[in-house]
Amino acid sequence: MSKGSILVVDDESEIREGLELLLTSEGYRVSSAETGAAGLAKLEEQPYDLLLLDVSLPDRNGLELLREIRQRDAHLAVVLITAYGSIDMARQAFKSGALDYITKPWSNDELLAQVAQAVEAQKLREENLQLKRALKQRFNFPNIIGKSEKMLKLLDLVTQVAAARSTVLVSGESGTGKELIAKAIHSASPRADKAFVPVNTGSIPADLLESQLFGHVRGAFTSAVASKKGLFEVADQGTIFFDEIATISPETQAKLLRVIQEREFMRLGGTEQIKVDVRIVAASNVDLLTLVREGRFREDLYHRLNVIHLQLPPLRERREDVPLLLAHFLQRYCQENGKPPRQFSAGALKLMMDYDWPGNVRELENVVERAVVLSTQEKMDVDLLPAALRSKEIVRGVRLQLSDFLPPLPGEPGARTGADSTQPSLFQIMDEIERRIIVDMLERSGWNQTEAAERFLIPLSTLNQKIKRLGIDVRRRGRGAEEAYSAAPGK
């Protein structure tokens, strides 16, 4: 199966043939052209995942050609080929819409890594576009990103319940997107052309919440200098969304129950009953049933709210959606901050794929926004990730016990005697622990020392020095970690 399709546009036949041979051997489908005009003709014939474009072409400048290509296709991944690598060149490349650039002569390993990342980024962008079209066609939910089975089942339920008037309780951890689901319910309902009114009950003081919800008449309290509509009146014929419903006071719970049952209420200080037709969607990040058992939430209100229950999965249970979400937020925040396209390094992506995301989609979005804002280069490395995310990777998966390194005590099986009874020093023990941690990380990084250094958050030169000092034989990488350990001095 092909890894992707690549078009090479370069006037030097040796370059075209060399790239075609190299990339074809790696599983890519490769076409080539020697002029800008021939390259444009190829792009008209079929779509490509990546364009490798020489800056100096016989019939036109590569940067000018790139700008013309961008007018035809705003999303094609383009990597420029140039004989001059400089900050100015990078600035011009990104300003013209390039994803990256490579300089002649290049390292084949580095070129293949750049190509792989560019093709993967392009495929993610295309998958996101296709997913959004499919979700819009199937569900009409263009702002919800996800292809996991759990998300698709959830969206099927949203589609089913949207047409009804029944109250909906949306449960899920903080940051899972409960308000997005509430908006999806509203947008797919017959009430879509009416108001959607969100109410974050946790951020409104209890003494002001009732005035916000039900309104008040003039003179109802000291500062009520004029009558005011409440949010229930604003949401009439539409949908009102209660976020953090568990935080409302017992007194407000009783009044909310009456609105659900009778579809009417009175403004504060008023005597007239006001009729409304409002659909209620409530959300909670805590178990309301537990609060009912503890006497902190009305049982009758709970059952009124829980007519239809939607449970949002945490992000750690739908990891296949992480790359799509990353691509979605990268595009958004690059555009919002006026920056050229960005991409995460392999080490940063590995960290984010392994991370449990306790803050869910909201945390992931914040991480991407932070990285884009702080980035100064096209490729964003692990140093732009928050410390809480990075710290888990340093010794993650390394399970060591002191007994692994201390010899048996006298009298225990395997204890040394006589001339062999010399005990290892503390420094020897610490070196062995460090050696095993490094070999473990090299194993999990496929013996790629650059990636291992990224995951340790140290310079590659520092890792190389440690490998040399500890006598780790990286040439034995295909034979397993045990032989790498045995290569160490004194083993």
Protein backbone atom coordinates (compact mmCIF):
# COMPACT_ATOMS: atom_id res chain seq x y z
CA MET A 1 0.00 0.00 0.00
CA SER A 2 1.36 3.42 -0.97
CA LYS A 3 2.39 5.81 1.80
CA GLY A 4 1.25 8.73 -0.32
CA SER A 5 1.70 10.55 -3.63
CA ILE A 6 4.50 13.07 -4.20
CA LEU A 7 5.23 15.43 -7.09
CA VAL A 8 8.86 16.57 -7.54
CA VAL A 9 9.39 19.74 -9.59
CA ASP A 10 13.11 20.38 -10.24
CA ASP A 11 15.05 21.21 -13.39
CA GLU A 12 18.04 18.98 -12.50
CA SER A 13 17.53 15.45 -13.79
CA GLU A 14 19.92 14.02 -11.18
CA ILE A 15 17.81 15.53 -8.39
CA ARG A 16 14.54 14.28 -9.88
CA GLU A 17 15.86 10.77 -10.48
CA GLY A 18 17.56 10.57 -7.08
CA LEU A 19 14.44 11.69 -5.22
CA GLU A 20 12.23 9.39 -7.26
CA LEU A 21 14.46 6.40 -6.46
CA LEU A 22 14.72 7.28 -2.76
CA LEU A 23 11.04 8.01 -2.21
CA THR A 24 9.80 5.07 -4.28
CA SER A 25 11.96 2.71 -2.22
CA GLU A 26 10.19 4.06 0.88
CA GLY A 27 6.76 3.24 -0.51
CA TYR A 28 5.66 6.58 -2.01
CA ARG A 29 4.18 7.07 -5.48
CA VAL A 30 6.34 9.67 -7.21
CA SER A 31 5.86 11.83 -10.32
CA SER A 32 8.24 14.53 -11.53
CA ALA A 33 8.42 17.62 -13.74
CA GLU A 34 11.35 19.79 -14.84
CA THR A 35 9.56 23.15 -15.24
CA GLY A 36 6.92 25.15 -13.40
CA ALA A 37 4.49 24.84 -16.31
CA ALA A 38 4.90 21.06 -16.42
CA GLY A 39 4.39 20.94 -12.66
CA LEU A 40 1.14 22.90 -12.89
CA ALA A 41 -0.07 20.54 -15.62
CA LYS A 42 0.66 17.54 -13.36
CA LEU A 43 -1.29 19.15 -10.50
CA GLU A 44 -4.26 19.62 -12.84
CA GLU A 45 -4.21 15.93 -13.77
CA GLN A 46 -4.45 14.45 -10.26
CA PRO A 47 -4.20 15.34 -6.55
CA TYR A 48 -0.97 14.86 -4.59
CA ASP A 49 -0.21 14.57 -0.89
CA LEU A 50 3.02 16.57 -1.18
CA LEU A 51 4.82 18.85 -3.65
CA LEU A 52 8.63 19.06 -3.50
CA LEU A 53 9.31 22.31 -5.35
CA ASP A 54 12.69 23.74 -6.39
CA VAL A 55 13.03 27.47 -5.80
CA SER A 56 15.06 28.02 -9.02
CA LEU A 57 13.24 26.82 -12.14
CA PRO A 58 14.07 27.68 -15.76
CA ASP A 59 10.69 29.21 -16.59
CA ARG A 60 9.78 30.96 -13.32
CA ASN A 61 10.73 31.53 -9.69
CA GLY A 62 9.59 28.74 -7.36
CA LEU A 63 8.18 31.16 -4.78
CA GLU A 64 6.07 32.87 -7.44
CA LEU A 65 4.87 29.48 -8.63
CA LEU A 66 3.96 28.53 -5.07
CA ARG A 67 1.80 31.63 -4.70
CA GLU A 68 0.00 30.70 -7.94
CA ILE A 69 -0.51 27.13 -6.67
CA ARG A 70 -1.92 28.48 -3.39
CA GLN A 71 -4.62 30.36 -5.33
CA ARG A 72 -5.72 27.05 -6.88
CA ASP A 73 -5.23 24.80 -3.84
CA ALA A 74 -4.99 26.36 -0.40
CA HIS A 75 -4.32 23.05 1.37
CA LEU A 76 -1.66 21.21 -0.68
CA ALA A 77 1.46 20.47 1.43
CA VAL A 78 4.51 22.07 -0.19
CA VAL A 79 8.18 21.69 0.80
CA LEU A 80 10.63 23.94 -1.03
CA ILE A 81 14.04 22.77 -2.28
CA THR A 82 16.79 25.40 -2.19
CA ALA A 83 20.55 25.64 -2.34
CA TYR A 84 20.50 28.40 0.27
CA GLY A 85 19.35 27.78 3.81
CA SER A 86 18.79 30.92 5.86
CA ILE A 87 16.33 32.64 8.18
CA ASP A 88 15.34 34.92 5.28
CA MET A 89 14.73 31.89 3.07
CA ALA A 90 12.56 30.30 5.77
CA ARG A 91 10.60 33.53 6.18
CA GLN A 92 9.95 33.78 2.44
CA ALA A 93 9.00 30.11 2.23
CA PHE A 94 6.46 30.32 5.05
CA LYS A 95 5.10 33.65 3.81
CA SER A 96 4.49 32.07 0.41
CA GLY A 97 2.60 29.17 1.99
CA ALA A 98 5.24 26.44 2.23
CA LEU A 99 5.05 23.87 4.99
CA ASP A 100 8.85 23.52 5.21
CA TYR A 101 12.04 23.76 3.16
CA ILE A 102 15.13 21.60 2.61
CA THR A 103 18.58 22.67 1.46
CA LYS A 104 20.96 21.07 -1.02
CA PRO A 105 22.84 18.88 -0.28
CA TRP A 106 20.63 17.07 2.22
CA SER A 107 20.77 14.03 4.47
CA ASN A 108 18.48 11.33 3.11
CA ASP A 109 17.36 10.42 6.63
CA GLU A 110 16.42 14.02 7.41
CA LEU A 111 14.66 14.45 4.07
CA LEU A 112 12.65 11.26 4.58
CA ALA A 113 11.66 12.43 8.06
CA GLN A 114 10.50 15.81 6.68
CA VAL A 115 8.58 14.11 3.86
CA ALA A 116 6.91 11.65 6.26
CA GLN A 117 5.78 14.46 8.57
CA ALA A 118 4.55 16.62 5.69
CA VAL A 119 2.57 13.75 4.12
CA GLU A 120 1.10 12.78 7.49
CA ALA A 121 0.10 16.38 8.20
CA GLN A 122 -1.53 16.63 4.76
CA LYS A 123 -3.43 13.39 5.27
CA LEU A 124 -4.65 14.58 8.68
CA ARG A 125 -5.86 17.86 7.16
CA GLU A 126 -7.67 15.98 4.39
CA GLU A 127 -9.11 13.49 6.86
CA ASN A 128 -10.35 16.38 8.98
CA LEU A 129 -12.02 18.01 5.98
CA GLN A 130 -13.63 14.73 4.93
CA LEU A 131 -14.69 14.02 8.50
CA LYS A 132 -16.28 17.45 8.86
CA ARG A 133 -18.13 16.97 5.56
CA ALA A 134 -19.28 13.51 6.63
CA LEU A 135 -20.36 14.69 10.08
CA LYS A 136 -22.19 17.65 8.56
CA GLN A 137 -23.91 15.42 6.01
CA ARG A 138 -24.79 12.73 8.53
CA PHE A 139 -25.37 14.80 11.67
CA ASN A 140 -25.05 18.49 10.71
CA PHE A 141 -22.49 18.93 13.52
CA PRO A 142 -19.53 20.65 11.78
CA ASN A 143 -17.87 21.79 15.03
CA ILE A 144 -17.55 18.33 16.59
CA ILE A 145 -14.37 16.42 15.76
CA GLY A 146 -14.19 12.65 16.19
CA LYS A 147 -14.21 9.38 14.30
CA SER A 148 -14.01 6.99 17.26
CA GLU A 149 -16.79 4.47 17.73
CA LYS A 150 -17.83 6.04 21.04
CA MET A 151 -18.21 9.50 19.50
CA LEU A 152 -20.13 8.24 16.48
CA LYS A 153 -22.55 6.33 18.74
CA LEU A 154 -23.00 9.46 20.84
CA LEU A 155 -23.75 11.59 17.79
CA ASP A 156 -26.27 9.01 16.58
CA LEU A 157 -28.05 9.44 19.93
CA VAL A 158 -27.90 13.23 19.62
CA THR A 159 -29.58 12.97 16.21
CA GLN A 160 -32.30 10.74 17.64
CA VAL A 161 -33.14 12.96 20.62
CA ALA A 162 -32.81 16.34 18.87
CA ALA A 163 -36.32 16.33 17.41
CA ALA A 164 -38.00 15.67 20.78
CA ARG A 165 -38.87 18.18 23.50
CA SER A 166 -37.61 15.94 26.34
CA THR A 167 -35.04 17.26 28.80
CA VAL A 168 -31.53 15.91 28.35
CA LEU A 169 -28.84 15.34 30.97
CA VAL A 170 -25.29 15.43 29.57
CA SER A 171 -22.65 13.89 31.84
CA GLY A 172 -18.91 13.91 31.41
CA GLU A 173 -15.62 15.06 32.85
CA SER A 174 -14.62 18.71 32.62
CA GLY A 175 -13.43 19.65 29.15
CA THR A 176 -15.15 16.84 27.24
CA GLY A 177 -17.39 19.23 25.27
CA LYS A 178 -20.75 19.11 27.02
CA GLU A 179 -21.80 22.54 25.74
CA LEU A 180 -20.87 21.54 22.18
CA ILE A 181 -23.21 18.55 22.49
CA ALA A 182 -25.96 20.79 23.86
CA LYS A 183 -25.52 23.15 20.88
CA ALA A 184 -25.61 20.15 18.52
CA ILE A 185 -28.92 19.04 20.04
CA HIS A 186 -30.32 22.54 19.57
CA SER A 187 -29.00 22.99 16.01
CA ALA A 188 -30.51 19.68 14.89
CA SER A 189 -33.89 20.39 16.51
CA PRO A 190 -36.98 22.21 15.22
CA ARG A 191 -35.94 25.02 17.59
CA ALA A 192 -32.71 25.72 15.69
CA ASP A 193 -33.88 29.15 14.47
CA LYS A 194 -34.68 30.24 18.04
CA ALA A 195 -32.36 31.19 20.89
CA PHE A 196 -29.80 28.89 22.50
CA VAL A 197 -29.16 30.33 25.97
CA PRO A 198 -26.23 28.95 28.01
CA VAL A 199 -26.24 29.44 31.78
CA ASN A 200 -23.13 28.61 33.80
CA THR A 201 -24.75 28.19 37.18
CA GLY A 202 -21.39 27.68 38.87
CA SER A 203 -20.21 31.20 38.00
CA ILE A 204 -23.35 33.10 39.09
CA PRO A 205 -23.83 33.85 42.83
CA ALA A 206 -26.85 32.05 44.25
CA ASP A 207 -28.63 35.30 45.17
CA LEU A 208 -28.37 36.58 41.59
CA LEU A 209 -29.15 33.33 39.76
CA GLU A 210 -32.92 33.49 40.27
CA SER A 211 -33.04 37.07 39.01
CA GLN A 212 -31.01 35.98 35.95
CA LEU A 213 -33.29 33.02 35.25
CA PHE A 214 -36.73 34.43 35.98
CA GLY A 215 -36.23 38.19 35.68
CA HIS A 216 -37.68 40.75 38.07
CA VAL A 217 -40.15 43.60 38.25
CA ARG A 218 -39.26 47.17 39.10
CA GLY A 219 -38.70 47.59 42.83
CA ALA A 220 -38.28 43.85 43.51
CA PHE A 221 -35.02 44.72 45.30
CA THR A 222 -32.93 47.82 45.92
CA SER A 223 -31.13 47.95 42.57
CA ALA A 224 -34.16 46.87 40.48
CA VAL A 225 -34.83 50.28 38.93
CA ALA A 226 -36.62 48.73 35.94
CA SER A 227 -38.34 45.47 35.06
CA LYS A 228 -36.13 42.90 33.32
CA LYS A 229 -36.76 39.71 31.37
CA GLY A 230 -35.13 36.53 32.64
CA LEU A 231 -33.22 33.98 30.61
CA PHE A 232 -36.24 31.67 30.44
CA GLU A 233 -38.16 34.37 28.58
CA VAL A 234 -35.18 34.99 26.30
CA ALA A 235 -35.07 31.25 25.52
CA ASP A 236 -38.81 30.93 24.82
CA GLN A 237 -39.36 28.55 21.87
CA GLY A 238 -35.65 27.73 22.03
CA THR A 239 -33.23 25.86 24.30
CA ILE A 240 -31.71 26.76 27.66
CA PHE A 241 -28.50 24.99 28.67
CA PHE A 242 -27.59 24.64 32.35
CA ASP A 243 -23.89 23.97 32.80
CA GLU A 244 -22.79 22.69 36.23
CA ILE A 245 -26.41 22.07 37.22
CA ALA A 246 -25.23 20.45 40.47
CA THR A 247 -24.20 23.84 41.89
CA ILE A 248 -27.67 25.42 42.10
CA SER A 249 -29.17 25.97 45.56
CA PRO A 250 -32.08 23.87 46.95
CA GLU A 251 -34.41 26.89 46.68
CA THR A 252 -33.60 27.41 42.99
CA GLN A 253 -33.87 23.64 42.39
CA ALA A 254 -37.50 23.79 43.60
CA LYS A 255 -38.34 26.70 41.26
CA LEU A 256 -36.61 25.02 38.33
CA LEU A 257 -38.65 21.86 38.96
CA ARG A 258 -41.86 23.91 38.76
CA VAL A 259 -40.82 25.45 35.43
CA ILE A 260 -40.19 21.97 34.00
CA GLN A 261 -43.51 20.61 35.29
CA GLU A 262 -45.82 23.58 34.75
CA ARG A 263 -43.94 25.47 31.99
CA GLU A 264 -44.57 28.71 33.83
CA PHE A 265 -42.93 30.96 36.43
CA MET A 266 -43.16 34.39 38.05
CA ARG A 267 -40.63 37.17 37.89
CA LEU A 268 -39.08 38.15 41.22
CA GLY A 269 -41.44 40.55 42.94
CA GLY A 270 -44.19 39.87 40.39
CA THR A 271 -47.64 38.29 40.64
CA GLU A 272 -48.25 37.30 37.02
CA GLN A 273 -47.56 33.76 35.79
CA ILE A 274 -45.49 33.76 32.59
CA LYS A 275 -45.87 30.81 30.20
CA VAL A 276 -42.82 29.57 28.27
CA ASP A 277 -41.99 26.73 25.93
CA VAL A 278 -38.33 25.99 26.59
CA ARG A 279 -36.32 22.84 26.12
CA ILE A 280 -33.86 22.20 28.95
CA VAL A 281 -30.48 20.58 28.49
CA ALA A 282 -28.44 20.23 31.69
CA ALA A 283 -24.82 19.19 32.16
CA SER A 284 -22.83 17.94 35.10
CA ASN A 285 -19.26 16.76 35.66
CA VAL A 286 -20.26 15.05 38.92
CA ASP A 287 -22.61 12.12 39.50
CA LEU A 288 -25.99 13.69 40.30
CA LEU A 289 -27.34 10.39 41.62
CA THR A 290 -24.63 10.37 44.27
CA LEU A 291 -25.66 13.90 45.27
CA VAL A 292 -29.27 12.71 45.47
CA ARG A 293 -28.27 9.92 47.86
CA GLU A 294 -26.32 12.42 49.96
CA GLY A 295 -29.34 14.73 50.11
CA ARG A 296 -27.64 17.54 48.17
CA PHE A 297 -29.78 17.39 45.03
CA ARG A 298 -33.54 16.93 44.74
CA GLU A 299 -34.49 13.44 43.59
CA ASP A 300 -37.61 14.64 41.77
CA LEU A 301 -35.60 17.23 39.84
CA TYR A 302 -32.98 14.63 39.00
CA HIS A 303 -35.59 12.36 37.41
CA ARG A 304 -37.09 15.31 35.51
CA LEU A 305 -33.69 16.19 34.08
CA ASN A 306 -32.61 12.61 33.41
CA VAL A 307 -35.30 11.74 30.84
CA ILE A 308 -32.54 11.22 28.27
CA HIS A 309 -28.97 10.71 29.47
CA LEU A 310 -25.92 11.26 27.26
CA GLN A 311 -22.51 10.22 28.62
CA LEU A 312 -19.48 11.88 26.99
CA PRO A 313 -16.34 9.72 26.86
CA PRO A 314 -13.10 11.21 28.20
CA LEU A 315 -10.37 11.81 25.65
CA ARG A 316 -8.21 8.98 27.04
CA GLU A 317 -10.95 6.55 25.93
CA ARG A 318 -10.92 7.83 22.34
CA ARG A 319 -7.23 8.31 21.60
CA GLU A 320 -7.78 7.80 17.87
CA ASP A 321 -9.39 11.26 17.86
CA VAL A 322 -6.28 13.00 19.25
CA PRO A 323 -4.47 13.49 15.87
CA LEU A 324 -7.64 14.90 14.30
CA LEU A 325 -8.15 17.30 17.21
CA LEU A 326 -4.50 18.38 17.05
CA ALA A 327 -4.77 19.11 13.31
CA HIS A 328 -8.05 20.99 13.84
CA PHE A 329 -6.71 23.24 16.60
CA LEU A 330 -3.35 23.76 14.85
CA GLN A 331 -5.15 25.14 11.81
CA ARG A 332 -7.43 27.32 13.94
CA TYR A 333 -4.73 28.92 16.09
CA CYS A 334 -2.25 29.40 13.26
CA GLN A 335 -4.94 31.34 11.40
CA GLU A 336 -6.01 33.30 14.50
CA ASN A 337 -2.43 34.30 15.31
CA GLY A 338 -1.42 35.05 11.70
CA LYS A 339 1.29 32.38 11.68
CA PRO A 340 2.27 30.02 8.85
CA PRO A 341 1.33 26.34 9.26
CA ARG A 342 2.94 24.62 12.24
CA GLN A 343 3.54 20.97 13.05
CA PHE A 344 4.66 19.07 16.14
CA SER A 345 7.90 17.08 16.17
CA ALA A 346 7.78 13.29 16.39
CA GLY A 347 8.81 13.46 20.06
CA ALA A 348 6.06 15.97 20.91
CA LEU A 349 3.44 13.91 19.06
CA LYS A 350 4.51 10.77 20.92
CA LEU A 351 4.13 12.55 24.25
CA MET A 352 0.66 13.81 23.37
CA MET A 353 -0.51 10.43 22.07
CA ASP A 354 0.65 8.73 25.29
CA TYR A 355 -0.77 11.42 27.61
CA ASP A 356 -4.05 10.73 29.46
CA TRP A 357 -5.42 14.31 29.06
CA PRO A 358 -7.11 14.73 32.47
CA GLY A 359 -8.48 18.06 31.21
CA ASN A 360 -9.75 16.36 28.04
CA VAL A 361 -10.36 18.30 24.80
CA ARG A 362 -10.17 21.67 26.55
CA GLU A 363 -6.69 20.85 27.86
CA LEU A 364 -5.56 19.65 24.43
CA GLU A 365 -6.86 22.85 22.84
CA ASN A 366 -5.00 24.97 25.40
CA VAL A 367 -1.77 23.02 24.81
CA VAL A 368 -1.99 23.60 21.04
CA GLU A 369 -2.82 27.30 21.41
CA ARG A 370 0.08 27.80 23.84
CA ALA A 371 2.53 26.02 21.52
CA VAL A 372 1.46 28.04 18.47
CA VAL A 373 1.64 31.37 20.30
CA LEU A 374 5.10 30.64 21.75
CA SER A 375 6.54 29.02 18.61
CA THR A 376 9.17 30.77 16.51
CA GLN A 377 9.76 27.94 14.05
CA GLU A 378 7.56 25.78 11.85
CA LYS A 379 8.34 22.59 13.81
CA MET A 380 7.25 22.68 17.46
CA ASP A 381 9.25 20.48 19.82
CA VAL A 382 8.65 19.08 23.31
CA ASP A 383 10.00 22.26 24.94
CA LEU A 384 6.76 24.03 23.93
CA LEU A 385 4.61 21.51 25.82
CA PRO A 386 3.59 22.21 29.44
CA ALA A 387 5.83 20.76 32.14
CA ALA A 388 3.00 18.62 33.52
CA LEU A 389 2.71 16.84 30.17
CA ARG A 390 6.47 16.48 29.62
CA SER A 391 7.37 15.22 33.10
CA LYS A 392 5.44 11.98 32.72
CA GLU A 393 7.66 10.80 29.88
CA ILE A 394 11.08 11.04 31.52
CA VAL A 395 10.86 7.74 33.42
CA ARG A 396 7.47 6.59 32.15
CA GLY A 397 7.31 2.84 31.79
CA VAL A 398 10.61 2.23 33.63
CA ARG A 399 9.90 -0.01 36.60
CA LEU A 400 12.99 -0.53 38.72
CA GLN A 401 13.48 -1.93 42.21
CA LEU A 402 16.54 -1.42 44.39
CA SER A 403 16.73 -5.21 44.79
CA ASP A 404 17.56 -5.38 41.07
CA PHE A 405 20.92 -3.77 41.80
CA LEU A 406 21.86 -4.73 45.38
CA PRO A 407 23.51 -8.15 45.81
CA PRO A 408 21.97 -10.79 48.12
CA LEU A 409 22.76 -10.39 51.80
CA PRO A 410 25.09 -12.95 53.47
CA GLY A 411 23.26 -16.23 53.91
CA GLU A 412 20.78 -15.52 51.09
CA PRO A 413 20.83 -17.58 47.86
CA GLY A 414 23.46 -16.25 45.47
CA ALA A 415 25.38 -14.31 48.14
CA ARG A 416 29.07 -13.86 47.43
CA THR A 417 31.70 -15.27 49.79
CA GLY A 418 35.42 -14.82 50.40
CA ALA A 419 37.31 -12.84 47.80
CA ASP A 420 34.15 -12.42 45.73
CA SER A 421 32.23 -10.72 48.55
CA THR A 422 33.07 -7.14 47.53
CA GLN A 423 29.89 -5.04 47.59
CA PRO A 424 29.15 -2.56 44.77
CA SER A 425 29.44 1.11 45.70
CA LEU A 426 26.52 3.50 45.68
CA PHE A 427 27.99 5.15 42.56
CA GLN A 428 28.05 1.80 40.74
CA ILE A 429 24.43 1.19 41.69
CA MET A 430 23.39 4.66 40.47
CA ASP A 431 25.28 4.16 37.19
CA GLU A 432 23.46 0.86 36.67
CA ILE A 433 20.09 2.50 37.33
CA GLU A 434 20.89 5.31 34.86
CA ARG A 435 22.13 2.75 32.31
CA ARG A 436 18.91 0.76 32.50
CA ILE A 437 16.73 3.86 32.23
CA ILE A 438 18.60 5.01 29.11
CA VAL A 439 18.52 1.57 27.46
CA ASP A 440 14.81 1.28 28.26
CA MET A 441 14.14 4.66 26.62
CA LEU A 442 16.27 3.72 23.59
CA GLU A 443 14.27 0.50 23.27
CA ARG A 444 10.97 2.39 23.37
CA SER A 445 12.32 4.94 20.85
CA GLY A 446 13.35 2.23 18.39
CA TRP A 447 17.01 3.04 19.21
CA ASN A 448 16.56 6.46 17.62
CA GLN A 449 18.90 8.53 19.78
CA THR A 450 17.44 11.85 18.61
CA GLU A 451 13.94 10.81 19.65
CA ALA A 452 15.23 9.41 22.97
CA ALA A 453 16.96 12.73 23.72
CA GLU A 454 13.72 14.61 22.91
CA ARG A 455 11.77 12.38 25.28
CA PHE A 456 14.38 12.85 28.02
CA LEU A 457 14.22 16.62 27.38
CA ILE A 458 18.02 16.81 27.04
CA PRO A 459 20.35 17.75 24.14
CA LEU A 460 21.41 14.90 21.86
CA SER A 461 25.06 15.61 22.72
CA THR A 462 24.33 15.05 26.42
CA LEU A 463 22.67 11.72 25.71
CA ASN A 464 25.60 10.65 23.52
CA GLN A 465 28.03 11.48 26.32
CA LYS A 466 26.03 9.38 28.78
CA ILE A 467 25.84 6.47 26.33
CA LYS A 468 29.63 6.60 25.93
CA ARG A 469 30.34 6.96 29.67
CA LEU A 470 28.01 4.11 30.63
CA GLY A 471 29.34 1.83 27.89
CA ILE A 472 25.97 1.24 26.22
CA ASP A 473 26.57 -0.58 22.94
CA VAL A 474 24.05 0.98 20.51
CA ARG A 475 25.27 -1.43 17.79
CA ARG A 476 23.53 -4.27 19.64
CA ARG A 477 20.14 -2.61 19.30
CA GLY A 478 18.70 -5.36 17.12
CA ARG A 479 19.55 -8.02 19.69
CA GLY A 480 17.58 -6.63 22.60
CA ALA A 481 18.23 -4.64 25.75
CA GLU A 482 19.95 -7.43 27.69
CA GLU A 483 22.91 -7.50 25.30
CA ALA A 484 23.14 -3.71 25.50
CA TYR A 485 23.38 -4.03 29.28
CA SER A 486 26.00 -6.76 29.00
CA ALA A 487 28.19 -4.51 26.87
CA ALA A 488 28.68 -2.14 29.78
CA PRO A 489 32.06 -2.08 31.55
CA GLY A 490 32.32 -4.61 34.34
CA LYS A 491 29.44 -6.75 33.07
